[in-house]
Amino acid sequence: MIYQDFDFEQSDDFEQGFIERGNVKRNILTPSIKKLHRCDVCEKTFVRVDGLKRHMLTHTTEKCHLCDICEKGFGRMDSFKTHMLTHIKEKPNRCDVCEKWFARGEDLKRHMLTHTKEKPHRCDVCEKRFARGGYLKTHMLTHTKEKPHRCDTCEKKFTASSELTKHMLIHTNNKPHRCVVCEKSFSVISNLKTHMLIHTKEKPHRCYVCEKSFRFISNLKTHMLTHTKEKPHRCDTCDKRFTQSGQLKRHMLTHTKEKTTSM
């Protein structure tokens, strides 16, 4: 018998009884195989030497698979093949809900969260939840007050890289988004969408207290202060507080006049 000298009860390699290998129809069962090939860098072990060779590429800077289109290099062939899908526009992964296609399986998994509304990533500070880990990382910067993304032109700093990208359009004066009604141009598409509300007369932002509607979300936020009685804007001179920043600015003029008359 092939395994008559193999002690199944005592062997450390006998992890889960048997593992099924090869052709399922043949029903060949073999004991778990010892991983003989060890990585000298991180000590991870592998059953086959080719698995170890592929793993070693993660430790080296060698990138033997070069993309002919964008010249980006990859250490592993599977990563290279996945990258090539972005160039040939092939998207083999389809969403069963909305039938949208994706090049990578991981992109499909992230997309599915938009349907399930699942938000597995939670902020330990304010307990706000996010669908993606990247969103949580960006959110955490609001608590730490970090702004790691700096504009090389004016040195203004931003929390998110997307904010910096939009800001850079100010310096390039690039305004690719044009209003079809008045032909006014905007750097960012979101600004164009907000502008279009002027033409459509829409007021999509409604107060849940008095049901008054506003065209801009900033106006709604200011309006809500009339219900909450909050006065977030404080005068540094006399500590008087105001609901709106415009009210504070007008008030500050009274202190400027006082200084002028006293001179």
Protein backbone atom coordinates (compact mmCIF):
# COMPACT_ATOMS: atom_id res chain seq x y z
CA MET A 1 0.00 0.00 0.00
CA ILE A 2 1.36 3.43 -0.93
CA TYR A 3 0.88 5.11 2.47
CA GLN A 4 1.34 2.11 4.79
CA ASP A 5 4.32 3.73 6.57
CA PHE A 6 2.61 7.14 6.94
CA ASP A 7 1.38 7.86 10.47
CA PHE A 8 -1.81 9.86 9.78
CA GLU A 9 -2.63 10.38 13.45
CA GLN A 10 0.75 11.79 14.53
CA SER A 11 1.97 13.67 11.43
CA ASP A 12 2.11 17.49 11.67
CA ASP A 13 1.39 17.57 7.97
CA PHE A 14 -1.94 15.86 8.45
CA GLU A 15 -3.73 19.20 8.82
CA GLN A 16 -7.27 18.35 7.76
CA GLY A 17 -7.27 14.60 7.18
CA PHE A 18 -6.98 14.42 3.41
CA ILE A 19 -6.97 16.94 0.61
CA GLU A 20 -8.43 16.13 -2.73
CA ARG A 21 -6.03 16.50 -5.66
CA GLY A 22 -6.00 16.02 -9.40
CA ASN A 23 -9.03 14.80 -11.30
CA VAL A 24 -12.11 14.78 -9.08
CA LYS A 25 -13.58 11.84 -11.00
CA ARG A 26 -10.59 9.69 -10.01
CA ASN A 27 -11.27 10.54 -6.36
CA ILE A 28 -7.59 10.32 -5.50
CA LEU A 29 -7.02 11.31 -1.86
CA THR A 30 -3.57 12.16 -0.52
CA PRO A 31 -2.42 13.42 2.89
CA SER A 32 -1.58 17.12 3.23
CA ILE A 33 1.80 17.88 1.70
CA LYS A 34 4.65 19.41 3.68
CA LYS A 35 5.74 22.86 2.45
CA LEU A 36 9.46 22.40 1.80
CA HIS A 37 10.33 25.64 0.03
CA ARG A 38 10.96 28.56 2.40
CA CYS A 39 11.45 32.24 1.58
CA ASP A 40 14.73 33.51 3.09
CA VAL A 41 13.30 37.03 3.46
CA CYS A 42 9.96 36.54 5.26
CA GLU A 43 10.13 32.76 5.99
CA LYS A 44 6.84 32.06 4.21
CA THR A 45 6.75 28.46 2.95
CA PHE A 46 5.50 26.99 -0.30
CA VAL A 47 4.67 23.52 -1.57
CA ARG A 48 6.21 24.06 -5.00
CA VAL A 49 9.42 25.81 -6.00
CA ASP A 50 7.68 27.81 -8.75
CA GLY A 51 5.36 29.25 -6.10
CA LEU A 52 8.42 30.38 -4.14
CA LYS A 53 9.94 31.94 -7.28
CA ARG A 54 6.77 33.95 -7.96
CA HIS A 55 6.66 35.06 -4.32
CA MET A 56 10.31 36.23 -4.39
CA LEU A 57 9.38 38.82 -7.02
CA THR A 58 7.40 40.66 -4.32
CA HIS A 59 10.67 41.26 -2.43
CA THR A 60 12.80 42.24 -5.42
CA THR A 61 12.44 45.25 -7.71
CA GLU A 62 12.69 43.00 -10.76
CA LYS A 63 9.77 43.55 -13.14
CA CYS A 64 10.33 41.25 -16.07
CA HIS A 65 6.86 41.67 -17.61
CA LEU A 66 6.79 45.02 -19.42
CA CYS A 67 3.67 46.54 -20.97
CA ASP A 68 4.36 47.53 -24.60
CA ILE A 69 1.71 50.26 -24.44
CA CYS A 70 2.50 52.26 -21.29
CA GLU A 71 5.84 50.63 -20.33
CA LYS A 72 4.63 49.80 -16.84
CA GLY A 73 6.47 46.80 -15.40
CA PHE A 74 5.17 43.85 -13.37
CA GLY A 75 6.91 41.12 -11.41
CA ARG A 76 4.21 38.51 -11.99
CA MET A 77 2.53 37.39 -15.19
CA ASP A 78 -0.97 37.32 -13.64
CA SER A 79 -0.61 40.98 -12.60
CA PHE A 80 0.60 41.82 -16.08
CA LYS A 81 -2.39 40.08 -17.70
CA THR A 82 -4.82 41.92 -15.43
CA HIS A 83 -3.16 45.22 -16.33
CA MET A 84 -3.44 44.51 -20.07
CA LEU A 85 -7.23 44.33 -19.72
CA THR A 86 -7.23 48.07 -19.02
CA HIS A 87 -5.76 48.71 -22.47
CA ILE A 88 -7.86 46.32 -24.53
CA LYS A 89 -10.99 47.40 -22.66
CA GLU A 90 -11.88 43.78 -21.97
CA LYS A 91 -14.10 43.50 -18.91
CA PRO A 92 -14.89 39.88 -18.07
CA ASN A 93 -16.49 40.55 -14.67
CA ARG A 94 -20.19 41.46 -14.85
CA CYS A 95 -22.46 42.76 -12.10
CA ASP A 96 -25.62 40.62 -11.93
CA VAL A 97 -27.63 43.55 -10.58
CA CYS A 98 -26.98 46.36 -13.07
CA GLU A 99 -25.00 44.41 -15.69
CA LYS A 100 -22.05 46.79 -15.53
CA TRP A 101 -18.75 45.19 -16.55
CA PHE A 102 -15.36 45.42 -14.82
CA ALA A 103 -11.82 44.45 -15.81
CA ARG A 104 -10.88 43.09 -12.39
CA GLY A 105 -12.74 40.92 -9.93
CA GLU A 106 -11.75 43.19 -7.03
CA ASP A 107 -13.33 46.16 -8.85
CA LEU A 108 -16.57 44.19 -9.13
CA LYS A 109 -16.49 43.37 -5.42
CA ARG A 110 -16.12 47.06 -4.52
CA HIS A 111 -18.91 47.94 -6.95
CA MET A 112 -21.28 45.41 -5.35
CA LEU A 113 -21.15 47.42 -2.13
CA THR A 114 -23.10 50.17 -3.92
CA HIS A 115 -25.99 47.72 -4.29
CA THR A 116 -25.81 46.08 -0.88
CA LYS A 117 -25.24 49.45 0.86
CA GLU A 118 -22.74 47.60 3.02
CA LYS A 119 -20.20 49.82 4.77
CA PRO A 120 -17.74 47.53 6.53
CA HIS A 121 -15.13 50.20 7.34
CA ARG A 122 -15.92 52.12 10.55
CA CYS A 123 -14.22 55.21 11.99
CA ASP A 124 -13.13 54.56 15.59
CA VAL A 125 -13.48 58.26 16.44
CA CYS A 126 -16.98 59.19 15.23
CA GLU A 127 -18.25 55.73 14.18
CA LYS A 128 -19.08 56.90 10.66
CA ARG A 129 -19.00 54.00 8.22
CA PHE A 130 -17.60 53.71 4.70
CA ALA A 131 -17.86 51.26 1.81
CA ARG A 132 -14.14 51.38 1.02
CA GLY A 133 -11.02 51.41 3.15
CA GLY A 134 -9.62 54.28 1.07
CA TYR A 135 -12.61 56.45 1.96
CA LEU A 136 -12.03 55.72 5.66
CA LYS A 137 -8.33 56.67 5.40
CA THR A 138 -9.23 60.00 3.80
CA HIS A 139 -11.93 60.59 6.44
CA MET A 140 -9.49 59.95 9.29
CA LEU A 141 -7.48 62.96 8.12
CA THR A 142 -10.40 65.18 9.17
CA HIS A 143 -9.79 64.05 12.76
CA THR A 144 -5.99 64.30 12.66
CA LYS A 145 -6.17 67.62 10.76
CA GLU A 146 -3.48 66.31 8.41
CA LYS A 147 -3.28 67.74 4.90
CA PRO A 148 -0.62 65.67 3.11
CA HIS A 149 -1.37 66.87 -0.42
CA ARG A 150 0.35 70.19 -1.21
CA CYS A 151 0.08 72.39 -4.28
CA ASP A 152 3.56 73.05 -5.68
CA THR A 153 2.41 76.38 -7.14
CA CYS A 154 0.81 78.15 -4.17
CA GLU A 155 1.67 75.65 -1.38
CA LYS A 156 -1.97 75.31 -0.32
CA LYS A 157 -2.58 71.94 1.37
CA PHE A 158 -5.46 69.51 1.03
CA THR A 159 -6.75 66.46 2.86
CA ALA A 160 -7.56 64.39 -0.25
CA SER A 161 -5.62 64.04 -3.50
CA SER A 162 -8.86 64.60 -5.45
CA GLU A 163 -9.16 68.06 -3.83
CA LEU A 164 -5.64 68.90 -4.96
CA THR A 165 -6.40 67.72 -8.51
CA LYS A 166 -9.43 70.02 -8.70
CA HIS A 167 -7.44 72.88 -7.19
CA MET A 168 -4.67 72.55 -9.79
CA LEU A 169 -7.17 73.46 -12.52
CA ILE A 170 -7.19 76.98 -11.07
CA HIS A 171 -3.53 77.41 -11.97
CA THR A 172 -3.79 75.81 -15.40
CA ASN A 173 -6.92 77.87 -16.17
CA ASN A 174 -8.33 74.76 -17.81
CA LYS A 175 -12.14 74.88 -17.86
CA PRO A 176 -13.33 71.94 -19.95
CA HIS A 177 -16.92 71.86 -18.62
CA ARG A 178 -19.15 74.29 -20.53
CA CYS A 179 -22.75 75.25 -19.87
CA VAL A 180 -24.90 74.56 -22.97
CA VAL A 181 -27.22 77.44 -22.07
CA CYS A 182 -24.92 80.40 -21.43
CA GLU A 183 -21.57 78.86 -22.46
CA LYS A 184 -19.95 79.68 -19.14
CA SER A 185 -17.06 77.27 -18.46
CA PHE A 186 -16.00 75.54 -15.27
CA SER A 187 -12.92 73.66 -14.11
CA VAL A 188 -14.86 70.98 -12.26
CA ILE A 189 -17.97 69.11 -13.40
CA SER A 190 -19.61 69.50 -9.99
CA ASN A 191 -19.46 73.29 -10.34
CA LEU A 192 -21.18 73.05 -13.72
CA LYS A 193 -23.95 70.89 -12.22
CA THR A 194 -24.48 73.45 -9.47
CA HIS A 195 -24.52 76.25 -12.03
CA MET A 196 -27.17 74.47 -14.13
CA LEU A 197 -29.62 74.82 -11.24
CA ILE A 198 -29.73 78.55 -12.00
CA HIS A 199 -31.14 77.79 -15.45
CA THR A 200 -33.50 74.99 -14.39
CA LYS A 201 -34.73 76.94 -11.32
CA GLU A 202 -34.48 73.74 -9.31
CA LYS A 203 -34.10 73.85 -5.54
CA PRO A 204 -33.22 70.29 -4.58
CA HIS A 205 -32.11 70.97 -1.01
CA ARG A 206 -35.08 70.99 1.37
CA CYS A 207 -35.20 71.81 5.07
CA TYR A 208 -36.76 68.90 6.95
CA VAL A 209 -38.06 71.28 9.66
CA CYS A 210 -39.98 73.90 7.67
CA GLU A 211 -39.72 72.35 4.17
CA LYS A 212 -38.21 75.48 2.66
CA SER A 213 -36.13 74.63 -0.41
CA PHE A 214 -32.75 75.97 -1.51
CA ARG A 215 -30.74 75.83 -4.67
CA PHE A 216 -27.40 75.33 -2.96
CA ILE A 217 -26.50 73.03 -0.07
CA SER A 218 -24.49 75.83 1.55
CA ASN A 219 -27.64 77.95 1.77
CA LEU A 220 -29.52 75.09 3.41
CA LYS A 221 -26.76 74.63 5.99
CA THR A 222 -26.89 78.33 6.84
CA HIS A 223 -30.68 78.20 7.06
CA MET A 224 -30.58 75.23 9.44
CA LEU A 225 -28.77 77.40 11.97
CA THR A 226 -31.97 79.42 12.37
CA HIS A 227 -33.63 76.26 13.70
CA THR A 228 -30.75 75.02 15.85
CA LYS A 229 -29.99 78.55 17.14
CA GLU A 230 -26.29 77.87 16.65
CA LYS A 231 -23.94 80.81 16.20
CA PRO A 232 -20.63 79.37 15.05
CA HIS A 233 -19.01 82.66 14.01
CA ARG A 234 -17.38 84.50 16.94
CA CYS A 235 -15.84 87.96 17.09
CA ASP A 236 -12.29 87.73 18.48
CA THR A 237 -12.54 91.28 19.83
CA CYS A 238 -15.74 91.23 21.89
CA ASP A 239 -16.75 87.52 21.78
CA LYS A 240 -20.12 88.31 20.22
CA ARG A 241 -21.42 85.42 18.13
CA PHE A 242 -23.26 85.30 14.80
CA THR A 243 -25.14 82.78 12.70
CA GLN A 244 -23.57 83.76 9.38
CA SER A 245 -20.02 84.74 8.44
CA GLY A 246 -21.38 87.78 6.57
CA GLN A 247 -22.92 89.06 9.79
CA LEU A 248 -19.58 88.70 11.54
CA LYS A 249 -17.77 90.61 8.77
CA ARG A 250 -20.24 93.49 9.00
CA HIS A 251 -19.88 93.50 12.77
CA MET A 252 -16.09 93.66 12.54
CA LEU A 253 -16.43 96.99 10.74
CA THR A 254 -17.79 98.49 13.97
CA HIS A 255 -14.49 97.72 15.67
CA THR A 256 -12.54 99.16 12.75
CA LYS A 257 -14.52 102.43 13.02
CA GLU A 258 -13.86 102.54 16.76
CA LYS A 259 -10.11 102.33 16.18
CA THR A 260 -10.30 105.04 13.50
CA THR A 261 -12.22 107.51 15.71
CA SER A 262 -9.95 106.92 18.68
CA MET A 263 -6.81 107.84 16.70
